[in-house]
């Protein structure tokens, strides 16, 4: 299979989705770890966020991350469009959950909701930190850096924003429950012996990661961290 096939054939598109999906899963682990520093201390979170924003290697990886996200989105929509196009007339009787879970049939919708959530998230945090510099400065460990912790506090004072984030996290959870297993399956790693184990790990990962992400805006809004 040459490079062209990775972007034009169904198998190639699924492989790209699998590779980029695993890459984005690794990003979620790192991102969740950084955000969880709010439960340690204000300084710990700001120091971790500053490291991610000022280290040249991380900034280069950030470019790869955005490229991976865009590629994952484009290939995802192409697969959804192709799968829909192969059944123009649809089925006489819809099988529904008898053949697949609702979230596995709704990956396009869930992905769209996640994309909208990602745009909001970037506007709230990435743009002020990386582009406009529209953030207060704070001294941490004898070094001046952006006070992203205070930014989180300010953003999550709005109940509407908190609800939007929770809806985004909810969509991410269901997207991951299907996508985690699907990515390993596409890579040919879900043998009969390990199929159930990988599926259970995927469910546990999706629940834990998304509960942590959901806890952050809720904790800020409720004043449980300061």
Foldseek 3Di string as FASTA:
>chain_A
DDPVCLQPPPLSLLLLLLVLLVVVLVVLVLVLVLLLCLVVDLLSNQVSVVCCQPDPVNVVVVVVNVVSLVSNLVSVVVNLVVVCVVCVPHDPDDCAPVVHDPLVNCLNVLSVLLVVLVVVVCVQQVCCQHPVVPADWDAHPNDIGGSVVVSLLVQLQDPVSLVSQLSNLVSQLSNQLVSQLSSCVSVVNCDVVCVVVSSVVSNVSSVVSSVSSSCSSVCSNVVVGD
